[in-house]
N, C-alpha and C. Protein backbone atom coordinates (compact mmCIF):
# COMPACT_ATOMS: atom_id res chain seq x y z
N MET A 1 -26.47 3.14 7.39
CA MET A 1 -25.50 4.22 7.50
C MET A 1 -25.64 5.14 6.30
N ASP A 2 -25.63 6.42 6.57
CA ASP A 2 -25.71 7.43 5.52
C ASP A 2 -24.30 7.70 4.99
N CYS A 3 -24.04 7.26 3.78
CA CYS A 3 -22.70 7.42 3.19
C CYS A 3 -22.61 8.58 2.22
N ARG A 4 -23.63 9.44 2.21
CA ARG A 4 -23.63 10.55 1.26
C ARG A 4 -22.53 11.56 1.54
N LYS A 5 -22.03 11.62 2.75
CA LYS A 5 -20.98 12.57 3.11
C LYS A 5 -19.58 11.94 3.12
N ILE A 6 -19.47 10.74 2.56
CA ILE A 6 -18.16 10.09 2.45
C ILE A 6 -17.54 10.54 1.13
N GLN A 7 -16.33 11.03 1.21
CA GLN A 7 -15.61 11.48 0.02
C GLN A 7 -14.32 10.69 -0.12
N PHE A 8 -13.99 10.36 -1.37
CA PHE A 8 -12.74 9.67 -1.69
C PHE A 8 -11.78 10.69 -2.30
N CYS A 9 -10.51 10.55 -1.94
CA CYS A 9 -9.49 11.50 -2.39
C CYS A 9 -8.29 10.72 -2.90
N ASP A 10 -7.73 11.16 -4.02
CA ASP A 10 -6.55 10.48 -4.57
C ASP A 10 -5.30 11.36 -4.53
N ARG A 11 -5.26 12.29 -3.59
CA ARG A 11 -4.09 13.17 -3.46
C ARG A 11 -3.26 12.76 -2.24
N ARG A 12 -2.04 12.35 -2.52
CA ARG A 12 -1.14 11.95 -1.42
C ARG A 12 -0.93 13.09 -0.44
N THR A 13 -0.95 14.31 -0.93
CA THR A 13 -0.70 15.47 -0.07
C THR A 13 -1.80 15.66 0.97
N GLN A 14 -2.94 15.02 0.78
CA GLN A 14 -4.05 15.16 1.71
C GLN A 14 -4.04 14.13 2.83
N VAL A 15 -3.09 13.21 2.82
CA VAL A 15 -3.04 12.18 3.86
C VAL A 15 -2.66 12.81 5.19
N ASP A 16 -3.46 12.60 6.19
CA ASP A 16 -3.18 13.02 7.55
C ASP A 16 -2.53 11.82 8.25
N PHE A 17 -1.21 11.90 8.47
CA PHE A 17 -0.47 10.74 8.96
C PHE A 17 -0.85 10.33 10.38
N GLN A 18 -1.25 11.28 11.21
CA GLN A 18 -1.69 10.90 12.55
C GLN A 18 -3.02 10.14 12.47
N GLN A 19 -3.94 10.62 11.63
CA GLN A 19 -5.20 9.90 11.48
C GLN A 19 -4.98 8.53 10.84
N LEU A 20 -4.06 8.45 9.89
CA LEU A 20 -3.78 7.17 9.25
C LEU A 20 -3.19 6.18 10.26
N GLN A 21 -2.26 6.64 11.06
CA GLN A 21 -1.66 5.78 12.07
C GLN A 21 -2.74 5.31 13.06
N ALA A 22 -3.62 6.20 13.47
CA ALA A 22 -4.70 5.82 14.40
C ALA A 22 -5.64 4.81 13.74
N LEU A 23 -5.94 4.99 12.45
CA LEU A 23 -6.80 4.05 11.73
C LEU A 23 -6.15 2.67 11.66
N PHE A 24 -4.86 2.62 11.35
CA PHE A 24 -4.14 1.35 11.33
C PHE A 24 -4.14 0.69 12.71
N ASN A 25 -3.88 1.47 13.74
CA ASN A 25 -3.84 0.91 15.10
C ASN A 25 -5.20 0.35 15.51
N LEU A 26 -6.26 0.95 15.03
CA LEU A 26 -7.61 0.51 15.39
C LEU A 26 -8.08 -0.67 14.56
N ALA A 27 -7.81 -0.65 13.25
CA ALA A 27 -8.50 -1.58 12.36
C ALA A 27 -7.60 -2.50 11.55
N ALA A 28 -6.30 -2.43 11.72
CA ALA A 28 -5.40 -3.23 10.89
C ALA A 28 -4.30 -3.86 11.75
N PHE A 29 -4.54 -5.10 12.20
CA PHE A 29 -3.57 -5.75 13.07
C PHE A 29 -2.19 -5.82 12.43
N TRP A 30 -2.12 -5.91 11.11
CA TRP A 30 -0.87 -6.05 10.37
C TRP A 30 -0.13 -4.73 10.22
N ALA A 31 -0.74 -3.64 10.59
CA ALA A 31 -0.09 -2.34 10.42
C ALA A 31 -0.01 -1.55 11.71
N ARG A 32 -0.29 -2.20 12.82
CA ARG A 32 -0.22 -1.50 14.10
C ARG A 32 1.19 -1.04 14.36
N ASP A 33 1.27 0.08 14.99
CA ASP A 33 2.56 0.64 15.43
C ASP A 33 3.48 1.05 14.28
N ARG A 34 2.94 1.27 13.10
CA ARG A 34 3.77 1.83 12.05
C ARG A 34 4.06 3.29 12.40
N ARG A 35 5.26 3.72 12.13
CA ARG A 35 5.67 5.08 12.47
C ARG A 35 5.29 6.04 11.35
N PRO A 36 4.86 7.27 11.69
CA PRO A 36 4.47 8.24 10.67
C PRO A 36 5.57 8.49 9.64
N GLU A 37 6.84 8.52 10.06
CA GLU A 37 7.92 8.77 9.09
C GLU A 37 8.06 7.60 8.11
N ASP A 38 7.78 6.39 8.54
CA ASP A 38 7.81 5.25 7.63
C ASP A 38 6.60 5.26 6.69
N LEU A 39 5.46 5.66 7.21
CA LEU A 39 4.26 5.78 6.38
C LEU A 39 4.49 6.83 5.28
N GLN A 40 5.17 7.91 5.61
CA GLN A 40 5.45 8.93 4.61
C GLN A 40 6.28 8.38 3.47
N ILE A 41 7.26 7.54 3.77
CA ILE A 41 8.08 6.93 2.73
C ILE A 41 7.24 6.00 1.86
N ALA A 42 6.43 5.15 2.50
CA ALA A 42 5.59 4.22 1.75
C ALA A 42 4.63 4.96 0.83
N ILE A 43 4.03 6.02 1.32
CA ILE A 43 3.07 6.76 0.52
C ILE A 43 3.75 7.53 -0.60
N ALA A 44 4.93 8.05 -0.34
CA ALA A 44 5.68 8.76 -1.39
C ALA A 44 6.03 7.84 -2.55
N ASN A 45 6.13 6.55 -2.28
CA ASN A 45 6.49 5.58 -3.32
C ASN A 45 5.29 4.79 -3.83
N SER A 46 4.10 5.27 -3.57
CA SER A 46 2.87 4.61 -4.01
C SER A 46 2.07 5.54 -4.89
N ASN A 47 1.39 4.97 -5.87
CA ASN A 47 0.48 5.74 -6.71
C ASN A 47 -0.44 4.76 -7.43
N PRO A 48 -1.73 4.79 -7.11
CA PRO A 48 -2.43 5.81 -6.34
C PRO A 48 -2.41 5.56 -4.84
N VAL A 49 -2.74 6.62 -4.13
CA VAL A 49 -3.02 6.57 -2.70
C VAL A 49 -4.44 7.12 -2.56
N ILE A 50 -5.33 6.30 -2.05
CA ILE A 50 -6.74 6.69 -1.95
C ILE A 50 -7.13 6.74 -0.47
N THR A 51 -7.73 7.84 -0.08
CA THR A 51 -8.26 7.96 1.28
C THR A 51 -9.77 8.18 1.20
N ALA A 52 -10.46 7.76 2.23
CA ALA A 52 -11.90 7.98 2.35
C ALA A 52 -12.14 8.80 3.60
N TRP A 53 -13.00 9.80 3.47
CA TRP A 53 -13.21 10.78 4.55
C TRP A 53 -14.69 10.92 4.85
N ASP A 54 -15.02 10.95 6.13
CA ASP A 54 -16.37 11.30 6.56
C ASP A 54 -16.36 12.80 6.81
N THR A 55 -17.11 13.52 6.00
CA THR A 55 -17.15 14.98 6.12
C THR A 55 -18.37 15.47 6.89
N ASN A 56 -19.13 14.54 7.45
CA ASN A 56 -20.37 14.88 8.15
C ASN A 56 -20.21 14.72 9.66
N LEU A 57 -19.18 15.33 10.22
CA LEU A 57 -18.93 15.14 11.64
C LEU A 57 -19.61 16.19 12.51
N LYS A 58 -19.29 17.43 12.30
CA LYS A 58 -19.86 18.50 13.12
C LYS A 58 -20.46 19.56 12.21
N ALA A 59 -21.63 19.99 12.54
CA ALA A 59 -22.26 21.04 11.75
C ALA A 59 -21.39 22.29 11.76
N PHE A 60 -21.22 22.91 10.62
CA PHE A 60 -20.47 24.15 10.45
C PHE A 60 -18.99 24.01 10.83
N SER A 61 -18.48 22.80 10.74
CA SER A 61 -17.07 22.55 11.03
C SER A 61 -16.40 22.02 9.77
N HIS A 62 -15.12 22.28 9.65
CA HIS A 62 -14.37 21.78 8.50
C HIS A 62 -13.60 20.51 8.86
N GLU A 63 -13.91 19.93 10.01
CA GLU A 63 -13.24 18.70 10.42
C GLU A 63 -13.66 17.54 9.54
N GLN A 64 -12.70 16.69 9.26
CA GLN A 64 -12.97 15.47 8.52
C GLN A 64 -12.29 14.32 9.24
N ARG A 65 -12.85 13.15 9.10
CA ARG A 65 -12.30 11.97 9.73
C ARG A 65 -11.91 10.97 8.64
N MET A 66 -10.64 10.55 8.64
CA MET A 66 -10.21 9.52 7.69
C MET A 66 -10.81 8.19 8.14
N ILE A 67 -11.62 7.60 7.26
CA ILE A 67 -12.28 6.35 7.62
C ILE A 67 -11.86 5.20 6.69
N GLY A 68 -11.02 5.50 5.71
CA GLY A 68 -10.55 4.45 4.81
C GLY A 68 -9.26 4.84 4.14
N PHE A 69 -8.52 3.80 3.73
CA PHE A 69 -7.22 4.03 3.10
C PHE A 69 -6.85 2.81 2.27
N ALA A 70 -6.21 3.05 1.14
CA ALA A 70 -5.59 2.00 0.34
C ALA A 70 -4.55 2.66 -0.55
N ARG A 71 -3.54 1.88 -0.92
CA ARG A 71 -2.51 2.40 -1.83
C ARG A 71 -2.07 1.27 -2.74
N ALA A 72 -1.36 1.64 -3.82
CA ALA A 72 -0.87 0.63 -4.76
C ALA A 72 0.48 1.05 -5.30
N THR A 73 1.22 0.07 -5.78
CA THR A 73 2.45 0.30 -6.52
C THR A 73 2.31 -0.46 -7.84
N SER A 74 2.93 0.05 -8.90
CA SER A 74 2.73 -0.57 -10.20
C SER A 74 3.80 -0.14 -11.19
N ASP A 75 4.01 -0.99 -12.21
CA ASP A 75 4.83 -0.59 -13.35
C ASP A 75 3.96 0.06 -14.43
N GLY A 76 2.66 0.10 -14.21
CA GLY A 76 1.75 0.80 -15.10
C GLY A 76 1.20 -0.02 -16.26
N ILE A 77 1.74 -1.22 -16.49
CA ILE A 77 1.26 -2.01 -17.62
C ILE A 77 1.14 -3.51 -17.31
N TYR A 78 2.11 -4.08 -16.61
CA TYR A 78 2.10 -5.52 -16.39
C TYR A 78 1.62 -5.93 -15.00
N ARG A 79 2.19 -5.32 -13.97
CA ARG A 79 1.89 -5.76 -12.61
C ARG A 79 1.64 -4.57 -11.68
N ALA A 80 0.77 -4.83 -10.72
CA ALA A 80 0.50 -3.86 -9.65
C ALA A 80 0.19 -4.64 -8.39
N THR A 81 0.41 -4.00 -7.27
CA THR A 81 0.05 -4.59 -5.98
C THR A 81 -0.70 -3.55 -5.17
N ILE A 82 -1.80 -3.99 -4.60
CA ILE A 82 -2.59 -3.13 -3.72
C ILE A 82 -2.16 -3.43 -2.29
N TRP A 83 -1.98 -2.37 -1.51
CA TRP A 83 -1.48 -2.47 -0.14
C TRP A 83 -2.40 -1.76 0.83
N ASP A 84 -2.40 -2.23 2.06
CA ASP A 84 -2.91 -1.48 3.22
C ASP A 84 -4.38 -1.06 3.09
N VAL A 85 -5.23 -1.94 2.60
CA VAL A 85 -6.66 -1.61 2.50
C VAL A 85 -7.27 -1.69 3.89
N VAL A 86 -7.88 -0.59 4.31
CA VAL A 86 -8.48 -0.57 5.65
C VAL A 86 -9.68 0.38 5.67
N ILE A 87 -10.72 -0.06 6.35
CA ILE A 87 -11.92 0.76 6.60
C ILE A 87 -12.15 0.77 8.10
N HIS A 88 -12.45 1.94 8.64
CA HIS A 88 -12.75 2.07 10.07
C HIS A 88 -13.88 1.12 10.44
N PRO A 89 -13.79 0.42 11.57
CA PRO A 89 -14.83 -0.55 11.96
C PRO A 89 -16.24 0.02 11.98
N ASP A 90 -16.41 1.29 12.35
CA ASP A 90 -17.75 1.89 12.39
C ASP A 90 -18.37 2.03 11.01
N TYR A 91 -17.57 1.89 9.95
CA TYR A 91 -18.05 2.11 8.59
C TYR A 91 -18.04 0.83 7.76
N GLN A 92 -17.61 -0.27 8.34
CA GLN A 92 -17.58 -1.54 7.61
C GLN A 92 -18.98 -2.06 7.38
N GLY A 93 -19.15 -2.77 6.28
CA GLY A 93 -20.45 -3.35 5.95
C GLY A 93 -21.33 -2.45 5.13
N ALA A 94 -20.86 -1.28 4.75
CA ALA A 94 -21.67 -0.34 3.98
C ALA A 94 -21.21 -0.25 2.52
N GLY A 95 -20.30 -1.13 2.11
CA GLY A 95 -19.83 -1.12 0.72
C GLY A 95 -18.65 -0.20 0.47
N LEU A 96 -18.13 0.43 1.53
CA LEU A 96 -17.03 1.38 1.35
C LEU A 96 -15.70 0.69 1.02
N GLY A 97 -15.47 -0.50 1.56
CA GLY A 97 -14.26 -1.25 1.24
C GLY A 97 -14.22 -1.62 -0.23
N ARG A 98 -15.36 -2.08 -0.73
CA ARG A 98 -15.47 -2.42 -2.16
C ARG A 98 -15.22 -1.18 -3.01
N LYS A 99 -15.85 -0.07 -2.64
CA LYS A 99 -15.68 1.18 -3.39
C LYS A 99 -14.22 1.64 -3.33
N LEU A 100 -13.58 1.49 -2.20
CA LEU A 100 -12.18 1.88 -2.04
C LEU A 100 -11.28 1.07 -2.98
N VAL A 101 -11.45 -0.25 -2.99
CA VAL A 101 -10.64 -1.10 -3.87
C VAL A 101 -10.95 -0.81 -5.34
N GLN A 102 -12.21 -0.63 -5.68
CA GLN A 102 -12.57 -0.32 -7.06
C GLN A 102 -11.99 1.03 -7.50
N THR A 103 -11.91 1.98 -6.58
CA THR A 103 -11.31 3.27 -6.89
C THR A 103 -9.82 3.12 -7.18
N VAL A 104 -9.15 2.30 -6.41
CA VAL A 104 -7.73 2.03 -6.67
C VAL A 104 -7.56 1.38 -8.03
N ILE A 105 -8.34 0.35 -8.32
CA ILE A 105 -8.20 -0.41 -9.57
C ILE A 105 -8.53 0.44 -10.79
N SER A 106 -9.45 1.36 -10.66
CA SER A 106 -9.85 2.18 -11.81
C SER A 106 -8.95 3.40 -12.02
N HIS A 107 -8.01 3.62 -11.12
CA HIS A 107 -7.08 4.74 -11.27
C HIS A 107 -6.26 4.55 -12.55
N PRO A 108 -5.93 5.62 -13.27
CA PRO A 108 -5.17 5.49 -14.53
C PRO A 108 -3.85 4.72 -14.40
N ASN A 109 -3.22 4.73 -13.24
CA ASN A 109 -1.97 3.98 -13.08
C ASN A 109 -2.19 2.48 -12.99
N LEU A 110 -3.43 2.04 -12.73
CA LEU A 110 -3.71 0.61 -12.60
C LEU A 110 -4.71 0.10 -13.63
N SER A 111 -5.46 0.98 -14.26
CA SER A 111 -6.59 0.53 -15.08
C SER A 111 -6.18 -0.32 -16.28
N ARG A 112 -4.94 -0.22 -16.74
CA ARG A 112 -4.47 -1.03 -17.88
C ARG A 112 -3.56 -2.17 -17.47
N VAL A 113 -3.33 -2.34 -16.18
CA VAL A 113 -2.39 -3.34 -15.70
C VAL A 113 -2.95 -4.74 -15.92
N GLU A 114 -2.08 -5.62 -16.40
CA GLU A 114 -2.46 -7.00 -16.71
C GLU A 114 -2.87 -7.80 -15.47
N ARG A 115 -2.09 -7.70 -14.39
CA ARG A 115 -2.40 -8.43 -13.15
C ARG A 115 -2.23 -7.52 -11.95
N VAL A 116 -3.22 -7.58 -11.07
CA VAL A 116 -3.19 -6.81 -9.84
C VAL A 116 -3.17 -7.81 -8.68
N TYR A 117 -2.16 -7.67 -7.84
CA TYR A 117 -1.99 -8.56 -6.70
C TYR A 117 -2.33 -7.83 -5.41
N LEU A 118 -2.66 -8.61 -4.39
CA LEU A 118 -2.76 -8.09 -3.03
C LEU A 118 -2.57 -9.25 -2.07
N MET A 119 -2.20 -8.92 -0.86
CA MET A 119 -2.05 -9.93 0.18
C MET A 119 -3.12 -9.68 1.24
N THR A 120 -3.70 -10.76 1.70
CA THR A 120 -4.68 -10.65 2.77
C THR A 120 -4.58 -11.87 3.67
N THR A 121 -4.83 -11.67 4.93
CA THR A 121 -4.76 -12.77 5.88
C THR A 121 -6.12 -13.41 6.11
N HIS A 122 -7.15 -12.57 6.28
CA HIS A 122 -8.46 -13.10 6.65
C HIS A 122 -9.60 -12.66 5.74
N GLN A 123 -9.34 -11.89 4.71
CA GLN A 123 -10.42 -11.30 3.92
C GLN A 123 -10.54 -11.87 2.51
N GLN A 124 -10.15 -13.10 2.30
CA GLN A 124 -10.20 -13.70 0.97
C GLN A 124 -11.60 -13.63 0.35
N GLU A 125 -12.61 -13.93 1.12
CA GLU A 125 -13.98 -13.92 0.59
C GLU A 125 -14.41 -12.53 0.16
N PHE A 126 -14.02 -11.52 0.92
CA PHE A 126 -14.33 -10.14 0.54
C PHE A 126 -13.74 -9.82 -0.83
N TYR A 127 -12.46 -10.15 -1.03
CA TYR A 127 -11.79 -9.82 -2.29
C TYR A 127 -12.30 -10.67 -3.45
N LYS A 128 -12.72 -11.90 -3.19
CA LYS A 128 -13.30 -12.74 -4.24
C LYS A 128 -14.58 -12.09 -4.79
N LYS A 129 -15.37 -11.45 -3.93
CA LYS A 129 -16.59 -10.78 -4.37
C LYS A 129 -16.29 -9.62 -5.31
N ILE A 130 -15.09 -9.06 -5.21
CA ILE A 130 -14.70 -7.94 -6.08
C ILE A 130 -14.09 -8.45 -7.39
N GLY A 131 -13.73 -9.74 -7.43
CA GLY A 131 -13.18 -10.32 -8.65
C GLY A 131 -11.78 -10.91 -8.51
N PHE A 132 -11.19 -10.81 -7.34
CA PHE A 132 -9.86 -11.41 -7.13
C PHE A 132 -9.99 -12.92 -7.01
N GLU A 133 -8.93 -13.61 -7.37
CA GLU A 133 -8.87 -15.06 -7.28
C GLU A 133 -7.71 -15.45 -6.39
N SER A 134 -7.83 -16.59 -5.71
CA SER A 134 -6.71 -17.10 -4.93
C SER A 134 -5.58 -17.46 -5.89
N ASN A 135 -4.35 -17.21 -5.46
CA ASN A 135 -3.19 -17.48 -6.29
C ASN A 135 -2.11 -18.07 -5.40
N THR A 136 -1.97 -19.38 -5.44
CA THR A 136 -0.98 -20.03 -4.59
C THR A 136 0.28 -20.39 -5.35
N SER A 137 0.32 -20.14 -6.65
CA SER A 137 1.45 -20.63 -7.43
C SER A 137 2.56 -19.62 -7.67
N THR A 138 2.29 -18.33 -7.51
CA THR A 138 3.33 -17.36 -7.89
C THR A 138 3.80 -16.45 -6.77
N THR A 139 3.24 -16.54 -5.61
CA THR A 139 3.60 -15.59 -4.56
C THR A 139 4.72 -16.15 -3.70
N MET A 140 5.77 -15.36 -3.58
CA MET A 140 6.90 -15.69 -2.72
C MET A 140 7.24 -14.43 -1.93
N VAL A 141 8.01 -14.59 -0.88
CA VAL A 141 8.39 -13.44 -0.07
C VAL A 141 9.85 -13.56 0.32
N LEU A 142 10.51 -12.43 0.34
CA LEU A 142 11.87 -12.32 0.86
C LEU A 142 11.78 -11.43 2.08
N HIS A 143 12.15 -11.94 3.23
CA HIS A 143 12.19 -11.14 4.44
C HIS A 143 13.54 -10.44 4.45
N ASN A 144 13.56 -9.26 3.87
CA ASN A 144 14.79 -8.51 3.69
C ASN A 144 15.37 -8.12 5.05
N GLN A 145 16.69 -8.06 5.12
CA GLN A 145 17.38 -7.73 6.35
C GLN A 145 18.29 -6.54 6.09
N PRO A 146 18.55 -5.76 7.12
CA PRO A 146 19.52 -4.67 6.95
C PRO A 146 20.85 -5.24 6.48
N ILE A 147 21.55 -4.50 5.68
CA ILE A 147 22.77 -4.98 5.05
C ILE A 147 23.81 -5.46 6.05
N GLU A 148 23.89 -4.85 7.22
CA GLU A 148 24.88 -5.27 8.21
C GLU A 148 24.54 -6.62 8.82
N ASP A 149 23.29 -7.06 8.71
CA ASP A 149 22.88 -8.33 9.30
C ASP A 149 23.20 -9.54 8.43
N VAL A 150 23.43 -9.34 7.14
CA VAL A 150 23.64 -10.49 6.26
C VAL A 150 25.08 -10.63 5.81
N GLY A 151 25.93 -9.73 6.17
CA GLY A 151 27.33 -9.85 5.81
C GLY A 151 27.59 -9.43 4.38
N LEU A 152 27.98 -8.21 4.18
CA LEU A 152 28.27 -7.67 2.86
C LEU A 152 29.64 -8.14 2.41
N ARG A 153 29.73 -8.55 1.17
CA ARG A 153 31.04 -8.86 0.63
C ARG A 153 31.19 -8.11 -0.69
N ARG A 154 32.39 -7.64 -0.95
CA ARG A 154 32.65 -6.87 -2.16
C ARG A 154 33.44 -7.74 -3.13
N GLU A 155 32.93 -7.79 -4.37
CA GLU A 155 33.60 -8.54 -5.40
C GLU A 155 33.87 -7.63 -6.58
N THR A 156 34.94 -7.89 -7.31
CA THR A 156 35.26 -7.09 -8.48
C THR A 156 35.19 -7.98 -9.71
N PHE A 157 34.42 -7.52 -10.69
CA PHE A 157 34.27 -8.22 -11.96
C PHE A 157 34.73 -7.26 -13.05
N GLY A 158 35.97 -7.40 -13.50
CA GLY A 158 36.49 -6.49 -14.51
C GLY A 158 36.50 -5.09 -13.96
N GLU A 159 35.78 -4.19 -14.60
CA GLU A 159 35.73 -2.79 -14.19
C GLU A 159 34.54 -2.52 -13.28
N ARG A 160 33.79 -3.56 -12.92
CA ARG A 160 32.58 -3.37 -12.12
C ARG A 160 32.82 -3.86 -10.71
N SER A 161 32.43 -3.08 -9.77
CA SER A 161 32.49 -3.46 -8.36
C SER A 161 31.09 -3.81 -7.92
N VAL A 162 30.91 -4.98 -7.35
CA VAL A 162 29.59 -5.46 -6.98
C VAL A 162 29.56 -5.77 -5.50
N GLU A 163 28.56 -5.22 -4.81
CA GLU A 163 28.33 -5.58 -3.42
C GLU A 163 27.23 -6.63 -3.42
N SER A 164 27.48 -7.77 -2.83
CA SER A 164 26.47 -8.82 -2.83
C SER A 164 26.19 -9.27 -1.41
N ARG A 165 24.99 -9.76 -1.23
CA ARG A 165 24.57 -10.31 0.04
C ARG A 165 24.15 -11.74 -0.18
N SER A 166 23.97 -12.44 0.88
CA SER A 166 23.58 -13.84 0.77
C SER A 166 22.22 -14.01 0.09
N THR A 167 21.45 -12.95 -0.02
CA THR A 167 20.15 -13.02 -0.69
C THR A 167 20.29 -12.91 -2.20
N GLU A 168 21.51 -12.79 -2.70
CA GLU A 168 21.81 -12.69 -4.11
C GLU A 168 21.25 -11.43 -4.74
N ARG A 169 21.08 -10.38 -3.99
CA ARG A 169 20.69 -9.09 -4.53
C ARG A 169 21.95 -8.28 -4.69
N TYR A 170 22.08 -7.54 -5.76
CA TYR A 170 23.33 -6.85 -6.07
C TYR A 170 23.14 -5.37 -6.24
N HIS A 171 24.17 -4.64 -5.86
CA HIS A 171 24.27 -3.22 -6.15
C HIS A 171 25.52 -3.06 -6.99
N VAL A 172 25.39 -2.60 -8.20
CA VAL A 172 26.51 -2.49 -9.11
C VAL A 172 26.92 -1.03 -9.22
N SER A 173 28.20 -0.78 -9.06
CA SER A 173 28.71 0.57 -9.30
C SER A 173 29.75 0.49 -10.38
N GLU A 174 29.55 1.26 -11.42
CA GLU A 174 30.47 1.28 -12.56
C GLU A 174 31.67 2.16 -12.27
N ASN A 175 32.82 1.76 -12.69
CA ASN A 175 34.03 2.59 -12.62
C ASN A 175 34.28 3.15 -14.01
N TYR A 176 34.24 4.45 -14.16
CA TYR A 176 34.44 5.09 -15.45
C TYR A 176 35.74 5.86 -15.46
N GLY A 177 36.81 5.34 -14.89
CA GLY A 177 38.02 6.12 -14.80
C GLY A 177 39.17 5.60 -15.49
């Protein structure tokens, strides 16, 4: 495969949400049927967001095809998580997935981070080749629920009003009156 016309972009504003949704539906069983409005929220809260584009589609055309995507969230120094790594099936096996992940990791928001995490269901060997290690000791998950599903209760602690849920997550509102 000729990858000379593949370009990587780190501008969130360049994400084509219809192409991204189509790429997820085609190549990412874990992200099928994500809604464009939800993708916009996820991308707005991620940095970096890296897309890969095939610019060699039609002669004398400005059309581009999104063939890869990955994003990350981070505190910038201690921890980061890479999300939603995907390469179009027609482009897999050419080293583009590796380049995509390396582009995310080398971004200034992640390049100094102590630990970078990611979740994968079937691609452990791929990520090990890039330098990731299996980690079974620190990963946990909370399947968050809408607030109305867990029963909100309001408690007052002195001048602080706290809304708590059974998950022990709190929203504190200060009374300054």
